[in-house]
Amino acid sequence: MISDKKLFYSLLTAFFATALVIGSFFDLEIATAVYLPKNPPALFVTFIGLYFFHAVFVFLIGILLGQFFSSGINKNKRILCSVICGYLALSTSVLGAGGLLSASCYGEIFGRREFSFFHFLIIGIIIFYPLFFIGFFVGKKRYDKNLIKKIIILLSVLTISYFIPIIFKEIICRPRYRIVSSGYNGIDFTPWYSLFRESDFYQKKYSLMGDDFGAFFSGHAVNAT
């Protein structure tokens, strides 16, 4: 008999294979149906995916630092760990704020305004960075060597899943549906498996942003997963 675990992974594989086929052949129809410009509920769903991805990262870094402190390391190592973890948590907070204020999230409400690093820093410190200190006090309560190993693995997975979409976006440069539906001459709907080689040209011609050609693959979907 097939074990429950094998059955689960078989069903999961079948689901993703089916979704890939449907998404490939009915890509335009799906995009047209689900596209909701400046729609509060849709933006909130996007916000949740982005927020929890970066929030979990910051929180885990705080727990990791707390574990280092509870392990009994000397003062110099504590200072070094604090600087490294503090920087990683802060930089992740800034990246998270940048994602929330991008044109693919709440930045759309502000009419494609270009936000500065200062805006990202302030918002990141307010809504993400406190989780670093909460994680620190949680992780400091009890030392667990296996927990440290698990957190490092999780942080590694999160880091890889953050950079993979960026790499694909730079290679494929697929126009986002919001740009396609805006009626720019020459920017048509592009299947996910096709390369849009004129992104630099149209970006300059219409004063578009690099994020406008980052439809594949979806960073929001990766973050949520």
C-alpha atoms as a PDB file:
ATOM      1  CA  MET A   1       0.000   0.000   0.000  1.00  0.00           C
ATOM      2  CA  ILE A   2       1.061   3.580  -0.621  1.00  0.00           C
ATOM      3  CA  SER A   3       2.055   5.341   2.574  1.00  0.00           C
ATOM      4  CA  ASP A   4       0.288   8.532   3.626  1.00  0.00           C
ATOM      5  CA  LYS A   5       3.466  10.490   3.024  1.00  0.00           C
ATOM      6  CA  LYS A   6       3.918   9.198  -0.540  1.00  0.00           C
ATOM      7  CA  LEU A   7       0.229   9.781  -1.264  1.00  0.00           C
ATOM      8  CA  PHE A   8       0.488  13.347  -0.006  1.00  0.00           C
ATOM      9  CA  TYR A   9       3.506  14.145  -2.187  1.00  0.00           C
ATOM     10  CA  SER A  10       1.921  12.419  -5.181  1.00  0.00           C
ATOM     11  CA  LEU A  11      -1.214  14.539  -4.842  1.00  0.00           C
ATOM     12  CA  LEU A  12       0.893  17.647  -4.293  1.00  0.00           C
ATOM     13  CA  THR A  13       2.934  16.931  -7.433  1.00  0.00           C
ATOM     14  CA  ALA A  14      -0.221  16.325  -9.454  1.00  0.00           C
ATOM     15  CA  PHE A  15      -1.716  19.590  -8.189  1.00  0.00           C
ATOM     16  CA  PHE A  16       1.315  21.667  -9.156  1.00  0.00           C
ATOM     17  CA  ALA A  17       1.606  19.933 -12.544  1.00  0.00           C
ATOM     18  CA  THR A  18      -2.052  20.674 -13.251  1.00  0.00           C
ATOM     19  CA  ALA A  19      -1.638  24.286 -12.118  1.00  0.00           C
ATOM     20  CA  LEU A  20       1.406  24.671 -14.376  1.00  0.00           C
ATOM     21  CA  VAL A  21      -0.489  23.414 -17.430  1.00  0.00           C
ATOM     22  CA  ILE A  22      -3.563  25.543 -16.725  1.00  0.00           C
ATOM     23  CA  GLY A  23      -1.467  28.603 -15.967  1.00  0.00           C
ATOM     24  CA  SER A  24       0.553  28.168 -19.148  1.00  0.00           C
ATOM     25  CA  PHE A  25      -2.404  27.808 -21.546  1.00  0.00           C
ATOM     26  CA  PHE A  26      -4.848  30.184 -19.829  1.00  0.00           C
ATOM     27  CA  ASP A  27      -2.361  32.727 -18.524  1.00  0.00           C
ATOM     28  CA  LEU A  28      -3.996  35.786 -20.079  1.00  0.00           C
ATOM     29  CA  GLU A  29      -7.513  34.760 -19.059  1.00  0.00           C
ATOM     30  CA  ILE A  30      -6.409  34.197 -15.460  1.00  0.00           C
ATOM     31  CA  ALA A  31      -4.540  37.508 -15.313  1.00  0.00           C
ATOM     32  CA  THR A  32      -7.541  39.363 -16.716  1.00  0.00           C
ATOM     33  CA  ALA A  33      -9.879  37.715 -14.204  1.00  0.00           C
ATOM     34  CA  VAL A  34      -7.824  38.255 -11.064  1.00  0.00           C
ATOM     35  CA  TYR A  35      -6.283  41.667 -11.805  1.00  0.00           C
ATOM     36  CA  LEU A  36      -7.688  44.174  -9.316  1.00  0.00           C
ATOM     37  CA  PRO A  37      -5.972  47.594  -9.624  1.00  0.00           C
ATOM     38  CA  LYS A  38      -5.819  49.549  -6.367  1.00  0.00           C
ATOM     39  CA  ASN A  39      -8.260  47.136  -4.763  1.00  0.00           C
ATOM     40  CA  PRO A  40      -7.958  47.278  -0.926  1.00  0.00           C
ATOM     41  CA  PRO A  41      -8.631  43.553  -0.254  1.00  0.00           C
ATOM     42  CA  ALA A  42      -6.221  42.506  -3.028  1.00  0.00           C
ATOM     43  CA  LEU A  43      -3.529  44.863  -1.731  1.00  0.00           C
ATOM     44  CA  PHE A  44      -4.053  43.528   1.788  1.00  0.00           C
ATOM     45  CA  VAL A  45      -3.490  39.948   0.617  1.00  0.00           C
ATOM     46  CA  THR A  46      -0.297  41.099  -1.096  1.00  0.00           C
ATOM     47  CA  PHE A  47       0.717  42.919   2.088  1.00  0.00           C
ATOM     48  CA  ILE A  48       0.203  39.786   4.207  1.00  0.00           C
ATOM     49  CA  GLY A  49       2.444  37.671   1.968  1.00  0.00           C
ATOM     50  CA  LEU A  50       5.230  40.245   1.906  1.00  0.00           C
ATOM     51  CA  TYR A  51       4.967  41.100   5.576  1.00  0.00           C
ATOM     52  CA  PHE A  52       5.112  37.596   6.987  1.00  0.00           C
ATOM     53  CA  PHE A  53       8.029  36.574   4.780  1.00  0.00           C
ATOM     54  CA  HIS A  54      10.244  39.415   6.051  1.00  0.00           C
ATOM     55  CA  ALA A  55       8.768  39.376   9.561  1.00  0.00           C
ATOM     56  CA  VAL A  56       9.578  35.685  10.035  1.00  0.00           C
ATOM     57  CA  PHE A  57      13.129  36.297   8.820  1.00  0.00           C
ATOM     58  CA  VAL A  58      13.654  39.150  11.316  1.00  0.00           C
ATOM     59  CA  PHE A  59      12.042  37.170  14.145  1.00  0.00           C
ATOM     60  CA  LEU A  60      14.206  34.095  13.505  1.00  0.00           C
ATOM     61  CA  ILE A  61      17.363  36.213  13.508  1.00  0.00           C
ATOM     62  CA  GLY A  62      16.333  37.556  16.916  1.00  0.00           C
ATOM     63  CA  ILE A  63      15.799  34.026  18.239  1.00  0.00           C
ATOM     64  CA  LEU A  64      19.181  32.982  16.834  1.00  0.00           C
ATOM     65  CA  LEU A  65      20.930  35.838  18.646  1.00  0.00           C
ATOM     66  CA  GLY A  66      19.115  34.938  21.852  1.00  0.00           C
ATOM     67  CA  GLN A  67      20.342  31.367  21.502  1.00  0.00           C
ATOM     68  CA  PHE A  68      23.913  32.564  21.034  1.00  0.00           C
ATOM     69  CA  PHE A  69      23.640  34.633  24.223  1.00  0.00           C
ATOM     70  CA  SER A  70      22.189  31.736  26.224  1.00  0.00           C
ATOM     71  CA  SER A  71      24.929  29.391  25.006  1.00  0.00           C
ATOM     72  CA  GLY A  72      27.463  31.083  27.259  1.00  0.00           C
ATOM     73  CA  ILE A  73      29.781  32.588  24.599  1.00  0.00           C
ATOM     74  CA  ASN A  74      32.262  35.240  25.733  1.00  0.00           C
ATOM     75  CA  LYS A  75      31.737  39.008  25.532  1.00  0.00           C
ATOM     76  CA  ASN A  76      33.646  39.557  22.279  1.00  0.00           C
ATOM     77  CA  LYS A  77      31.663  36.877  20.470  1.00  0.00           C
ATOM     78  CA  ARG A  78      28.446  38.330  21.853  1.00  0.00           C
ATOM     79  CA  ILE A  79      29.323  41.728  20.427  1.00  0.00           C
ATOM     80  CA  LEU A  80      30.202  40.210  17.046  1.00  0.00           C
ATOM     81  CA  CYS A  81      26.988  38.153  16.922  1.00  0.00           C
ATOM     82  CA  SER A  82      24.953  41.198  17.954  1.00  0.00           C
ATOM     83  CA  VAL A  83      26.429  43.333  15.156  1.00  0.00           C
ATOM     84  CA  ILE A  84      25.935  40.656  12.488  1.00  0.00           C
ATOM     85  CA  CYS A  85      22.407  39.680  13.553  1.00  0.00           C
ATOM     86  CA  GLY A  86      21.387  43.287  14.154  1.00  0.00           C
ATOM     87  CA  TYR A  87      22.543  44.266  10.676  1.00  0.00           C
ATOM     88  CA  LEU A  88      20.832  41.297   9.011  1.00  0.00           C
ATOM     89  CA  ALA A  89      17.572  42.076  10.827  1.00  0.00           C
ATOM     90  CA  LEU A  90      17.749  45.776   9.951  1.00  0.00           C
ATOM     91  CA  SER A  91      18.608  45.198   6.288  1.00  0.00           C
ATOM     92  CA  THR A  92      15.773  42.669   6.015  1.00  0.00           C
ATOM     93  CA  SER A  93      13.421  45.207   7.615  1.00  0.00           C
ATOM     94  CA  VAL A  94      14.433  47.814   5.035  1.00  0.00           C
ATOM     95  CA  LEU A  95      13.942  45.333   2.176  1.00  0.00           C
ATOM     96  CA  GLY A  96      10.536  44.422   3.557  1.00  0.00           C
ATOM     97  CA  ALA A  97       9.496  48.064   3.737  1.00  0.00           C
ATOM     98  CA  GLY A  98      10.734  48.547   0.177  1.00  0.00           C
ATOM     99  CA  GLY A  99       8.535  45.679  -0.969  1.00  0.00           C
ATOM    100  CA  LEU A 100       5.488  47.087   0.783  1.00  0.00           C
ATOM    101  CA  LEU A 101       6.012  50.514  -0.799  1.00  0.00           C
ATOM    102  CA  SER A 102       6.714  49.128  -4.275  1.00  0.00           C
ATOM    103  CA  ALA A 103       4.310  49.607  -7.175  1.00  0.00           C
ATOM    104  CA  SER A 104       3.353  45.943  -6.766  1.00  0.00           C
ATOM    105  CA  CYS A 105       1.906  46.638  -3.313  1.00  0.00           C
ATOM    106  CA  TYR A 106       0.828  49.811  -1.514  1.00  0.00           C
ATOM    107  CA  GLY A 107       3.126  51.983  -3.617  1.00  0.00           C
ATOM    108  CA  GLU A 108       0.471  51.725  -6.326  1.00  0.00           C
ATOM    109  CA  ILE A 109      -1.804  53.933  -4.223  1.00  0.00           C
ATOM    110  CA  PHE A 110       0.747  56.765  -4.265  1.00  0.00           C
ATOM    111  CA  GLY A 111       0.841  57.045  -8.046  1.00  0.00           C
ATOM    112  CA  ARG A 112       4.193  55.367  -8.743  1.00  0.00           C
ATOM    113  CA  ARG A 113       6.035  57.715  -6.443  1.00  0.00           C
ATOM    114  CA  GLU A 114       9.740  57.030  -5.944  1.00  0.00           C
ATOM    115  CA  PHE A 115      10.396  56.491  -2.241  1.00  0.00           C
ATOM    116  CA  SER A 116      13.817  57.096  -0.731  1.00  0.00           C
ATOM    117  CA  PHE A 117      15.941  54.848   1.459  1.00  0.00           C
ATOM    118  CA  PHE A 118      14.924  57.026   4.413  1.00  0.00           C
ATOM    119  CA  HIS A 119      11.271  56.057   3.938  1.00  0.00           C
ATOM    120  CA  PHE A 120      12.178  52.375   3.798  1.00  0.00           C
ATOM    121  CA  LEU A 121      14.368  52.687   6.895  1.00  0.00           C
ATOM    122  CA  ILE A 122      11.732  54.398   9.034  1.00  0.00           C
ATOM    123  CA  ILE A 123       8.905  52.064   8.036  1.00  0.00           C
ATOM    124  CA  GLY A 124      11.150  49.007   8.386  1.00  0.00           C
ATOM    125  CA  ILE A 125      12.171  50.039  11.906  1.00  0.00           C
ATOM    126  CA  ILE A 126       8.545  50.602  12.906  1.00  0.00           C
ATOM    127  CA  ILE A 127       6.823  47.503  11.542  1.00  0.00           C
ATOM    128  CA  PHE A 128       9.592  44.879  11.234  1.00  0.00           C
ATOM    129  CA  TYR A 129      12.560  45.581  13.497  1.00  0.00           C
ATOM    130  CA  PRO A 130      10.736  45.200  16.871  1.00  0.00           C
ATOM    131  CA  LEU A 131      10.306  41.513  16.012  1.00  0.00           C
ATOM    132  CA  PHE A 132      14.092  41.158  16.234  1.00  0.00           C
ATOM    133  CA  PHE A 133      14.043  42.108  19.928  1.00  0.00           C
ATOM    134  CA  ILE A 134      10.985  39.966  20.624  1.00  0.00           C
ATOM    135  CA  GLY A 135      12.753  37.012  19.028  1.00  0.00           C
ATOM    136  CA  PHE A 136      15.890  37.742  21.054  1.00  0.00           C
ATOM    137  CA  PHE A 137      14.075  37.555  24.401  1.00  0.00           C
ATOM    138  CA  VAL A 138      12.201  34.430  23.309  1.00  0.00           C
ATOM    139  CA  GLY A 139      15.401  32.715  22.168  1.00  0.00           C
ATOM    140  CA  LYS A 140      17.327  33.716  25.271  1.00  0.00           C
ATOM    141  CA  LYS A 141      15.106  31.744  27.632  1.00  0.00           C
ATOM    142  CA  ARG A 142      16.464  28.268  26.907  1.00  0.00           C
ATOM    143  CA  TYR A 143      19.493  27.101  24.924  1.00  0.00           C
ATOM    144  CA  ASP A 144      18.822  24.412  22.309  1.00  0.00           C
ATOM    145  CA  LYS A 145      21.600  23.374  19.941  1.00  0.00           C
ATOM    146  CA  ASN A 146      19.167  21.660  17.556  1.00  0.00           C
ATOM    147  CA  LEU A 147      17.049  24.814  17.427  1.00  0.00           C
ATOM    148  CA  ILE A 148      20.056  26.811  16.230  1.00  0.00           C
ATOM    149  CA  LYS A 149      20.637  24.301  13.439  1.00  0.00           C
ATOM    150  CA  LYS A 150      16.986  24.420  12.371  1.00  0.00           C
ATOM    151  CA  ILE A 151      16.910  28.223  12.367  1.00  0.00           C
ATOM    152  CA  ILE A 152      20.056  28.426  10.237  1.00  0.00           C
ATOM    153  CA  ILE A 153      18.473  26.007   7.743  1.00  0.00           C
ATOM    154  CA  LEU A 154      15.248  28.036   7.676  1.00  0.00           C
ATOM    155  CA  LEU A 155      17.129  31.305   7.192  1.00  0.00           C
ATOM    156  CA  SER A 156      19.116  29.728   4.359  1.00  0.00           C
ATOM    157  CA  VAL A 157      15.901  28.566   2.652  1.00  0.00           C
ATOM    158  CA  LEU A 158      14.333  32.016   3.042  1.00  0.00           C
ATOM    159  CA  THR A 159      17.449  33.684   1.637  1.00  0.00           C
ATOM    160  CA  ILE A 160      17.534  31.403  -1.403  1.00  0.00           C
ATOM    161  CA  SER A 161      13.805  31.887  -2.012  1.00  0.00           C
ATOM    162  CA  TYR A 162      14.348  35.654  -1.880  1.00  0.00           C
ATOM    163  CA  PHE A 163      17.101  35.749  -4.488  1.00  0.00           C
ATOM    164  CA  ILE A 164      15.745  33.140  -6.944  1.00  0.00           C
ATOM    165  CA  PRO A 165      12.828  35.346  -8.127  1.00  0.00           C
ATOM    166  CA  ILE A 166      15.214  38.294  -8.533  1.00  0.00           C
ATOM    167  CA  ILE A 167      17.490  36.242 -10.797  1.00  0.00           C
ATOM    168  CA  PHE A 168      14.586  34.998 -12.934  1.00  0.00           C
ATOM    169  CA  LYS A 169      13.084  38.482 -13.174  1.00  0.00           C
ATOM    170  CA  GLU A 170      16.387  39.841 -14.503  1.00  0.00           C
ATOM    171  CA  ILE A 171      16.594  37.095 -17.134  1.00  0.00           C
ATOM    172  CA  ILE A 172      12.988  36.910 -18.331  1.00  0.00           C
ATOM    173  CA  CYS A 173      11.893  40.572 -17.836  1.00  0.00           C
ATOM    174  CA  ARG A 174       8.223  39.744 -18.297  1.00  0.00           C
ATOM    175  CA  PRO A 175       5.946  42.847 -18.302  1.00  0.00           C
ATOM    176  CA  ARG A 176       3.512  42.947 -15.410  1.00  0.00           C
ATOM    177  CA  TYR A 177      -0.146  42.791 -16.324  1.00  0.00           C
ATOM    178  CA  ARG A 178      -0.720  46.293 -14.953  1.00  0.00           C
ATOM    179  CA  ILE A 179       1.697  47.583 -17.609  1.00  0.00           C
ATOM    180  CA  VAL A 180       0.199  45.461 -20.382  1.00  0.00           C
ATOM    181  CA  SER A 181      -3.320  46.658 -19.531  1.00  0.00           C
ATOM    182  CA  SER A 182      -2.166  50.305 -19.512  1.00  0.00           C
ATOM    183  CA  GLY A 183      -1.937  50.236 -23.304  1.00  0.00           C
ATOM    184  CA  TYR A 184       1.723  51.024 -23.884  1.00  0.00           C
ATOM    185  CA  ASN A 185       2.422  50.543 -27.593  1.00  0.00           C
ATOM    186  CA  GLY A 186       4.771  47.595 -28.110  1.00  0.00           C
ATOM    187  CA  ILE A 187       4.279  46.049 -24.667  1.00  0.00           C
ATOM    188  CA  ASP A 188       1.973  43.095 -25.164  1.00  0.00           C
ATOM    189  CA  PHE A 189       1.057  40.173 -22.941  1.00  0.00           C
ATOM    190  CA  THR A 190       4.001  37.768 -22.764  1.00  0.00           C
ATOM    191  CA  PRO A 191       3.778  34.078 -21.717  1.00  0.00           C
ATOM    192  CA  TRP A 192       5.919  33.149 -18.721  1.00  0.00           C
ATOM    193  CA  TYR A 193       8.179  30.945 -20.846  1.00  0.00           C
ATOM    194  CA  SER A 194       9.052  33.737 -23.321  1.00  0.00           C
ATOM    195  CA  LEU A 195      11.813  36.313 -22.991  1.00  0.00           C
ATOM    196  CA  PHE A 196      10.858  39.976 -23.363  1.00  0.00           C
ATOM    197  CA  ARG A 197      14.091  41.319 -24.833  1.00  0.00           C
ATOM    198  CA  GLU A 198      12.996  44.940 -25.296  1.00  0.00           C
ATOM    199  CA  SER A 199      12.482  45.759 -21.612  1.00  0.00           C
ATOM    200  CA  ASP A 200      15.393  48.242 -21.467  1.00  0.00           C
ATOM    201  CA  PHE A 201      14.129  50.056 -24.554  1.00  0.00           C
ATOM    202  CA  TYR A 202      10.553  50.432 -23.318  1.00  0.00           C
ATOM    203  CA  GLN A 203      11.678  51.236 -19.797  1.00  0.00           C
ATOM    204  CA  LYS A 204      13.503  54.299 -21.127  1.00  0.00           C
ATOM    205  CA  LYS A 205      10.858  55.167 -23.726  1.00  0.00           C
ATOM    206  CA  TYR A 206       7.936  55.250 -21.274  1.00  0.00           C
ATOM    207  CA  SER A 207       9.901  56.099 -18.087  1.00  0.00           C
ATOM    208  CA  LEU A 208       8.956  52.782 -16.517  1.00  0.00           C
ATOM    209  CA  MET A 209      10.635  51.083 -13.572  1.00  0.00           C
ATOM    210  CA  GLY A 210      12.549  47.838 -13.542  1.00  0.00           C
ATOM    211  CA  ASP A 211       9.864  46.335 -11.306  1.00  0.00           C
ATOM    212  CA  ASP A 212       7.349  46.853 -14.125  1.00  0.00           C
ATOM    213  CA  PHE A 213       9.102  44.017 -15.975  1.00  0.00           C
ATOM    214  CA  GLY A 214       9.244  41.598 -13.054  1.00  0.00           C
ATOM    215  CA  ALA A 215       6.106  39.517 -13.541  1.00  0.00           C
ATOM    216  CA  PHE A 216       7.903  36.156 -13.524  1.00  0.00           C
ATOM    217  CA  PHE A 217       8.278  34.566 -11.427  1.00  0.00           C
ATOM    218  CA  SER A 218       6.058  35.971  -8.736  1.00  0.00           C
ATOM    219  CA  GLY A 219       7.940  37.062  -5.652  1.00  0.00           C
ATOM    220  CA  HIS A 220       4.612  37.373  -3.820  1.00  0.00           C
ATOM    221  CA  ALA A 221       3.797  33.727  -4.523  1.00  0.00           C
ATOM    222  CA  VAL A 222       7.227  32.614  -3.329  1.00  0.00           C
ATOM    223  CA  ASN A 223       6.964  34.739  -0.176  1.00  0.00           C
ATOM    224  CA  ALA A 224       3.520  33.372   0.626  1.00  0.00           C
ATOM    225  CA  THR A 225       4.649  29.782   0.081  1.00  0.00           C
END
